[in-house]
N, C-alpha and C. Protein backbone atom coordinates (compact mmCIF):
# COMPACT_ATOMS: atom_id res chain seq x y z
N UNK A 1 -8.66 21.12 -21.12
CA UNK A 1 -9.38 21.30 -19.89
C UNK A 1 -10.11 22.67 -20.05
N UNK A 2 -11.35 22.76 -19.69
CA UNK A 2 -12.09 23.97 -19.85
C UNK A 2 -11.91 25.05 -18.89
N UNK A 3 -12.14 26.30 -19.22
CA UNK A 3 -11.87 27.40 -18.24
C UNK A 3 -12.43 27.24 -16.85
N UNK A 4 -13.76 26.95 -16.77
CA UNK A 4 -14.34 26.88 -15.46
C UNK A 4 -13.70 25.83 -14.54
N UNK A 5 -13.19 24.82 -15.09
CA UNK A 5 -12.43 23.85 -14.28
C UNK A 5 -11.20 24.38 -13.69
N UNK A 6 -10.37 25.16 -14.42
CA UNK A 6 -9.23 25.83 -14.07
C UNK A 6 -9.63 26.67 -12.68
N UNK A 7 -10.74 27.42 -12.71
CA UNK A 7 -11.03 28.28 -11.61
C UNK A 7 -11.46 27.42 -10.33
N UNK A 8 -12.08 26.26 -10.63
CA UNK A 8 -12.54 25.45 -9.46
C UNK A 8 -11.43 24.84 -8.70
N UNK A 9 -10.34 24.48 -9.43
CA UNK A 9 -9.20 23.78 -8.77
C UNK A 9 -8.06 24.62 -8.52
N UNK A 10 -8.13 25.94 -8.60
CA UNK A 10 -7.06 26.88 -8.55
C UNK A 10 -6.29 26.78 -7.23
N UNK A 11 -7.10 26.66 -6.16
CA UNK A 11 -6.44 26.64 -4.88
C UNK A 11 -5.54 25.42 -4.55
N UNK A 12 -6.02 24.27 -5.01
CA UNK A 12 -5.17 23.09 -4.75
C UNK A 12 -4.10 23.08 -5.75
N UNK A 13 -4.27 23.60 -6.98
CA UNK A 13 -3.17 23.53 -8.06
C UNK A 13 -2.06 24.55 -7.65
N UNK A 14 -2.42 25.76 -7.15
CA UNK A 14 -1.40 26.79 -6.94
C UNK A 14 -0.94 26.89 -5.56
N UNK A 15 -1.69 26.49 -4.57
CA UNK A 15 -1.34 26.67 -3.17
C UNK A 15 -1.47 25.40 -2.31
N UNK A 16 -1.59 24.26 -2.91
CA UNK A 16 -1.79 23.07 -2.08
C UNK A 16 -2.72 23.16 -1.03
N UNK A 17 -4.02 23.64 -1.41
CA UNK A 17 -5.06 23.78 -0.39
C UNK A 17 -5.82 22.45 -0.42
N UNK A 18 -5.99 21.84 0.66
CA UNK A 18 -6.67 20.65 0.88
C UNK A 18 -7.74 20.80 2.01
N UNK A 19 -8.00 19.71 2.76
CA UNK A 19 -8.86 19.82 3.92
C UNK A 19 -8.29 19.08 5.04
N UNK A 20 -8.85 19.38 6.22
CA UNK A 20 -8.44 18.76 7.50
C UNK A 20 -9.84 18.23 8.10
N UNK A 21 -9.78 16.97 8.57
CA UNK A 21 -10.99 16.42 9.22
C UNK A 21 -11.13 16.93 10.50
N UNK A 22 -12.28 17.55 10.93
CA UNK A 22 -12.61 18.04 12.21
C UNK A 22 -12.74 16.97 13.19
N UNK A 23 -12.84 15.69 12.81
CA UNK A 23 -13.17 14.55 13.73
C UNK A 23 -11.89 13.95 14.14
N UNK A 24 -10.92 13.71 13.26
CA UNK A 24 -9.75 12.85 13.53
C UNK A 24 -8.43 13.62 13.19
N UNK A 25 -8.51 14.91 12.68
CA UNK A 25 -7.41 15.74 12.35
C UNK A 25 -6.54 15.27 11.24
N UNK A 26 -7.03 14.26 10.38
CA UNK A 26 -6.27 13.84 9.26
C UNK A 26 -6.33 14.97 8.23
N UNK A 27 -5.14 15.19 7.55
CA UNK A 27 -5.00 16.15 6.48
C UNK A 27 -5.30 15.50 5.19
N UNK A 28 -6.07 16.08 4.30
CA UNK A 28 -6.61 15.41 2.97
C UNK A 28 -6.11 16.31 1.83
N UNK A 29 -5.55 15.68 0.84
CA UNK A 29 -5.28 16.14 -0.48
C UNK A 29 -5.27 15.20 -1.50
N UNK A 30 -5.98 15.55 -2.64
CA UNK A 30 -6.83 16.62 -2.94
C UNK A 30 -8.10 16.59 -1.95
N UNK A 31 -8.72 17.75 -1.90
CA UNK A 31 -10.02 17.88 -1.15
C UNK A 31 -11.04 16.83 -1.69
N UNK A 32 -11.71 16.13 -0.77
CA UNK A 32 -12.71 15.21 -1.15
C UNK A 32 -14.02 15.29 -0.28
N UNK A 33 -14.01 16.07 0.69
CA UNK A 33 -15.24 16.32 1.59
C UNK A 33 -15.50 15.13 2.52
N UNK A 34 -15.01 13.99 2.20
CA UNK A 34 -15.16 12.97 3.13
C UNK A 34 -13.83 12.40 3.59
N UNK A 35 -13.61 12.23 4.94
CA UNK A 35 -12.31 11.76 5.38
C UNK A 35 -12.11 10.33 5.03
N UNK A 36 -10.97 9.99 4.33
CA UNK A 36 -10.68 8.67 3.97
C UNK A 36 -10.23 7.83 5.25
N UNK A 37 -9.93 8.49 6.36
CA UNK A 37 -9.52 7.77 7.66
C UNK A 37 -10.71 7.43 8.49
N UNK A 38 -11.60 8.31 8.66
CA UNK A 38 -12.74 7.99 9.69
C UNK A 38 -14.05 7.98 9.02
N UNK A 39 -14.20 8.47 7.70
CA UNK A 39 -15.47 8.57 7.07
C UNK A 39 -16.32 9.85 7.34
N UNK A 40 -15.88 10.64 8.25
CA UNK A 40 -16.63 11.81 8.62
C UNK A 40 -16.52 12.88 7.68
N UNK A 41 -17.46 13.88 7.75
CA UNK A 41 -17.56 14.93 6.77
C UNK A 41 -16.30 15.84 7.05
N UNK A 42 -15.70 16.22 6.03
CA UNK A 42 -14.41 17.11 6.13
C UNK A 42 -14.40 18.19 5.15
N UNK A 43 -14.85 19.34 5.49
CA UNK A 43 -14.93 20.57 4.46
C UNK A 43 -14.12 21.71 4.93
N UNK A 44 -13.31 21.56 6.02
CA UNK A 44 -12.49 22.62 6.63
C UNK A 44 -11.24 22.75 5.66
N UNK A 45 -11.05 23.86 5.02
CA UNK A 45 -9.85 24.08 4.27
C UNK A 45 -8.60 23.98 5.05
N UNK A 46 -7.58 23.45 4.42
CA UNK A 46 -6.16 23.43 5.11
C UNK A 46 -5.10 23.64 4.06
N UNK A 47 -4.20 24.59 4.30
CA UNK A 47 -3.17 24.95 3.39
C UNK A 47 -1.88 24.22 3.84
N UNK A 48 -1.45 23.38 2.99
CA UNK A 48 -0.28 22.62 3.14
C UNK A 48 1.02 23.44 3.08
N UNK A 49 2.10 23.06 3.72
CA UNK A 49 3.33 23.89 3.81
C UNK A 49 4.00 23.80 2.49
N UNK A 50 3.75 22.72 1.64
CA UNK A 50 4.47 22.49 0.40
C UNK A 50 5.88 21.88 0.60
N UNK A 51 6.27 21.40 1.77
CA UNK A 51 7.44 20.76 2.14
C UNK A 51 7.21 19.26 2.24
N UNK A 52 8.22 18.46 1.62
CA UNK A 52 8.06 17.01 1.80
C UNK A 52 9.31 16.28 1.37
N UNK A 53 9.17 15.03 1.21
CA UNK A 53 10.30 14.20 0.81
C UNK A 53 9.83 13.30 -0.42
N UNK A 54 10.77 12.92 -1.29
CA UNK A 54 10.61 12.01 -2.35
C UNK A 54 10.23 10.52 -1.71
N UNK A 55 9.11 10.12 -2.02
CA UNK A 55 8.83 8.74 -1.47
C UNK A 55 9.20 7.69 -2.56
N UNK A 56 8.88 8.06 -3.85
CA UNK A 56 9.27 7.11 -4.91
C UNK A 56 9.38 7.95 -6.15
N UNK A 57 9.91 7.61 -7.29
CA UNK A 57 10.03 8.42 -8.43
C UNK A 57 10.26 7.50 -9.76
N UNK A 58 10.06 8.08 -10.78
CA UNK A 58 10.41 7.41 -12.00
C UNK A 58 10.85 8.58 -13.08
N UNK A 59 11.60 8.19 -13.99
CA UNK A 59 12.04 9.10 -15.13
C UNK A 59 11.18 8.85 -16.28
N UNK A 60 10.42 9.81 -16.78
CA UNK A 60 9.61 9.66 -18.03
C UNK A 60 10.45 9.84 -19.19
N UNK A 61 10.43 8.90 -20.16
CA UNK A 61 11.18 8.99 -21.35
C UNK A 61 10.09 8.93 -22.64
N UNK A 62 8.87 8.72 -22.25
CA UNK A 62 7.76 8.76 -23.15
C UNK A 62 6.66 9.58 -22.53
N UNK A 63 6.21 10.60 -23.18
CA UNK A 63 5.18 11.42 -22.65
C UNK A 63 3.91 11.40 -23.31
N UNK A 64 2.80 11.78 -22.58
CA UNK A 64 1.56 11.95 -23.24
C UNK A 64 1.56 13.03 -24.21
N UNK A 65 0.56 13.06 -25.11
CA UNK A 65 0.56 14.14 -26.19
C UNK A 65 0.51 15.50 -25.62
N UNK A 66 1.34 16.35 -26.11
CA UNK A 66 1.45 17.66 -25.62
C UNK A 66 2.47 17.98 -24.51
N UNK A 67 3.13 16.90 -24.08
CA UNK A 67 4.17 17.09 -23.05
C UNK A 67 5.51 16.56 -23.58
N UNK A 68 5.56 16.32 -24.85
CA UNK A 68 6.82 15.70 -25.43
C UNK A 68 8.12 16.63 -25.25
N UNK A 69 7.82 17.91 -25.29
CA UNK A 69 9.00 18.83 -25.22
C UNK A 69 9.65 18.94 -23.95
N UNK A 70 9.07 18.22 -22.89
CA UNK A 70 9.64 18.25 -21.52
C UNK A 70 10.53 16.99 -21.32
N UNK A 71 10.54 16.11 -22.19
CA UNK A 71 11.27 14.87 -22.06
C UNK A 71 12.72 15.04 -21.92
N UNK A 72 13.51 14.21 -21.18
CA UNK A 72 12.98 13.37 -20.16
C UNK A 72 12.75 14.21 -18.88
N UNK A 73 11.70 13.70 -18.09
CA UNK A 73 11.43 14.40 -16.76
C UNK A 73 11.14 13.44 -15.77
N UNK A 74 11.37 13.91 -14.53
CA UNK A 74 11.08 13.08 -13.28
C UNK A 74 9.75 13.30 -12.73
N UNK A 75 8.97 12.23 -12.32
CA UNK A 75 7.71 12.29 -11.73
C UNK A 75 7.89 11.53 -10.35
N UNK A 76 7.35 12.18 -9.35
CA UNK A 76 7.63 11.55 -7.95
C UNK A 76 6.36 11.49 -7.20
N UNK A 77 6.32 10.47 -6.22
CA UNK A 77 5.47 10.48 -5.18
C UNK A 77 6.02 11.30 -4.09
N UNK A 78 5.45 12.38 -3.66
CA UNK A 78 6.03 13.23 -2.58
C UNK A 78 5.21 13.09 -1.39
N UNK A 79 5.79 12.73 -0.34
CA UNK A 79 5.07 12.59 0.98
C UNK A 79 5.19 13.99 1.64
N UNK A 80 4.16 14.66 1.77
CA UNK A 80 3.99 15.98 2.32
C UNK A 80 4.33 15.89 3.90
N UNK A 81 4.94 16.85 4.51
CA UNK A 81 5.17 16.93 5.95
C UNK A 81 3.93 16.56 6.71
N UNK A 82 2.75 17.00 6.24
CA UNK A 82 1.52 16.85 6.91
C UNK A 82 0.90 15.46 6.70
N UNK A 83 1.48 14.61 5.89
CA UNK A 83 1.02 13.33 5.70
C UNK A 83 0.60 12.75 4.29
N UNK A 84 -0.11 13.47 3.52
CA UNK A 84 -0.60 12.98 2.29
C UNK A 84 0.57 12.77 1.27
N UNK A 85 0.36 11.77 0.43
CA UNK A 85 1.31 11.59 -0.65
C UNK A 85 0.72 12.12 -1.96
N UNK A 86 1.49 12.94 -2.72
CA UNK A 86 0.89 13.55 -3.91
C UNK A 86 1.90 13.14 -5.09
N UNK A 87 1.30 13.08 -6.25
CA UNK A 87 2.14 12.81 -7.45
C UNK A 87 2.48 14.08 -8.16
N UNK A 88 3.70 14.42 -8.42
CA UNK A 88 4.10 15.70 -9.07
C UNK A 88 5.30 15.49 -9.91
N UNK A 89 5.52 16.44 -10.88
CA UNK A 89 6.69 16.39 -11.64
C UNK A 89 7.80 17.14 -10.77
N UNK A 90 9.07 16.74 -10.77
CA UNK A 90 10.01 17.38 -10.16
C UNK A 90 10.73 18.26 -11.14
N UNK A 91 11.28 19.54 -10.71
CA UNK A 91 11.76 20.43 -11.50
C UNK A 91 13.01 21.08 -10.85
N UNK A 92 13.73 21.95 -11.65
CA UNK A 92 14.89 22.52 -11.08
C UNK A 92 16.02 21.63 -10.58
N UNK A 93 16.13 20.44 -11.18
CA UNK A 93 17.06 19.37 -10.71
C UNK A 93 18.46 19.70 -11.13
N UNK A 94 18.64 20.37 -12.24
CA UNK A 94 20.03 20.53 -12.73
C UNK A 94 20.66 19.19 -13.00
N UNK A 95 21.89 18.94 -12.44
CA UNK A 95 22.52 17.69 -12.54
C UNK A 95 22.35 16.93 -11.36
N UNK A 96 21.61 17.29 -10.38
CA UNK A 96 21.34 16.59 -9.17
C UNK A 96 20.53 15.37 -9.39
N UNK A 97 20.98 14.18 -9.01
CA UNK A 97 20.19 13.00 -9.14
C UNK A 97 19.08 13.03 -8.19
N UNK A 98 17.96 12.40 -8.60
CA UNK A 98 16.75 12.21 -7.73
C UNK A 98 17.11 11.04 -6.73
N UNK A 99 16.74 11.21 -5.48
CA UNK A 99 16.95 10.11 -4.47
C UNK A 99 15.67 10.06 -3.57
N UNK A 100 15.37 8.83 -3.27
CA UNK A 100 14.29 8.61 -2.34
C UNK A 100 14.73 9.16 -0.91
N UNK A 101 13.82 10.02 -0.30
CA UNK A 101 14.19 10.62 0.97
C UNK A 101 14.63 12.07 0.77
N UNK A 102 14.84 12.39 -0.53
CA UNK A 102 15.31 13.75 -0.83
C UNK A 102 14.36 14.85 -0.46
N UNK A 103 14.69 15.84 0.35
CA UNK A 103 13.81 16.92 0.74
C UNK A 103 13.40 17.68 -0.51
N UNK A 104 12.19 18.06 -0.59
CA UNK A 104 11.63 18.84 -1.78
C UNK A 104 10.67 19.90 -1.18
N UNK A 105 10.45 20.92 -2.12
CA UNK A 105 9.49 21.99 -1.77
C UNK A 105 8.67 22.35 -3.02
N UNK A 106 7.35 22.65 -2.68
CA UNK A 106 6.50 22.96 -3.85
C UNK A 106 6.83 24.42 -4.39
N UNK A 107 6.70 24.36 -5.84
CA UNK A 107 6.80 25.62 -6.66
C UNK A 107 5.72 25.63 -7.67
N UNK A 108 5.32 26.75 -8.06
CA UNK A 108 4.36 26.90 -9.10
C UNK A 108 5.16 27.06 -10.47
N UNK A 109 4.73 26.22 -11.38
CA UNK A 109 5.42 26.29 -12.65
C UNK A 109 4.38 26.02 -13.67
N UNK A 110 4.91 26.33 -15.00
CA UNK A 110 4.05 26.09 -16.21
C UNK A 110 3.86 24.63 -16.41
N UNK A 111 2.68 24.21 -16.64
CA UNK A 111 2.39 22.76 -16.92
C UNK A 111 2.29 22.55 -18.39
N UNK A 112 1.47 23.37 -18.96
CA UNK A 112 1.33 23.25 -20.46
C UNK A 112 0.48 24.49 -20.92
N UNK A 113 0.34 24.53 -22.25
CA UNK A 113 -0.59 25.62 -22.85
C UNK A 113 -1.52 24.80 -23.74
N UNK A 114 -2.71 25.35 -24.02
CA UNK A 114 -3.68 24.59 -24.77
C UNK A 114 -3.38 24.55 -26.24
N UNK A 115 -2.41 25.19 -26.82
CA UNK A 115 -1.95 24.93 -28.13
C UNK A 115 -2.85 25.46 -29.26
N UNK A 116 -3.89 26.29 -28.82
CA UNK A 116 -4.74 26.83 -29.84
C UNK A 116 -4.82 28.38 -29.70
N UNK A 117 -5.75 28.98 -30.33
CA UNK A 117 -5.87 30.37 -30.36
C UNK A 117 -6.41 31.00 -29.01
N UNK A 118 -6.98 30.15 -28.11
CA UNK A 118 -7.50 30.63 -26.75
C UNK A 118 -6.36 31.21 -25.89
N UNK A 119 -5.12 30.71 -26.16
CA UNK A 119 -4.03 31.23 -25.37
C UNK A 119 -3.92 30.91 -23.89
N UNK A 120 -4.59 29.82 -23.53
CA UNK A 120 -4.64 29.43 -22.17
C UNK A 120 -3.28 28.61 -21.68
N UNK A 121 -2.79 29.24 -20.75
CA UNK A 121 -1.45 28.65 -20.17
C UNK A 121 -1.83 28.09 -18.77
N UNK A 122 -1.53 26.76 -18.58
CA UNK A 122 -1.87 26.21 -17.30
C UNK A 122 -0.63 25.97 -16.41
N UNK A 123 -0.77 26.55 -15.32
CA UNK A 123 0.23 26.47 -14.24
C UNK A 123 -0.24 25.61 -13.19
N UNK A 124 0.69 25.03 -12.37
CA UNK A 124 0.24 24.13 -11.28
C UNK A 124 1.61 23.81 -10.45
N UNK A 125 1.38 22.99 -9.46
CA UNK A 125 2.51 22.72 -8.64
C UNK A 125 3.46 21.65 -9.09
N UNK A 126 4.68 21.88 -8.92
CA UNK A 126 5.75 20.88 -9.10
C UNK A 126 6.65 21.06 -7.92
N UNK A 127 7.55 20.12 -7.71
CA UNK A 127 8.42 20.12 -6.56
C UNK A 127 9.89 20.25 -7.07
N UNK A 128 10.67 20.97 -6.27
CA UNK A 128 12.10 21.14 -6.55
C UNK A 128 12.85 20.73 -5.33
N UNK A 129 14.16 20.47 -5.49
CA UNK A 129 15.00 20.14 -4.32
C UNK A 129 14.91 21.31 -3.25
N UNK A 130 14.75 20.97 -2.04
CA UNK A 130 14.68 21.86 -1.04
C UNK A 130 16.12 22.53 -0.65
N UNK A 131 16.20 23.72 -0.61
CA UNK A 131 17.62 24.22 -0.42
C UNK A 131 17.69 24.57 1.12
N UNK A 132 18.82 24.21 1.70
CA UNK A 132 18.98 24.49 3.15
C UNK A 132 19.04 25.95 3.27
N UNK A 133 18.39 26.41 4.30
CA UNK A 133 18.42 27.95 4.68
C UNK A 133 19.78 28.35 4.98
N UNK A 134 20.12 29.50 4.60
CA UNK A 134 21.36 30.09 4.88
C UNK A 134 21.30 30.84 6.18
N UNK A 135 22.23 30.55 7.22
CA UNK A 135 22.26 31.19 8.40
C UNK A 135 23.46 32.18 8.61
């Protein structure tokens, strides 16, 4: 992936910034400028909380080129509290099994590096089990 693209998508990759439709209030991620619900123009930025639940998941035992050192790893469909469903790798699981309905929260983690002399390290969102707050 080229450098300019990293800069264009940094808000959605690092902070889960999408859009909200001013016509029907549907939250949209990733941003696409047209509401998938009502078809209206939607360019108002919206920052998602990063909290959600595992909607579905799979364990990857075969990875695309460049991601082999992470095997095995879990990839989930995460339903965000605000509505959209995103695909993301799960991290920080330890021995905890993944379960549908499991509460998760977004964290920024290393995704990959470009493997050449440019030295580009790509970070992005992943989700980890949400820890109950201590009272």
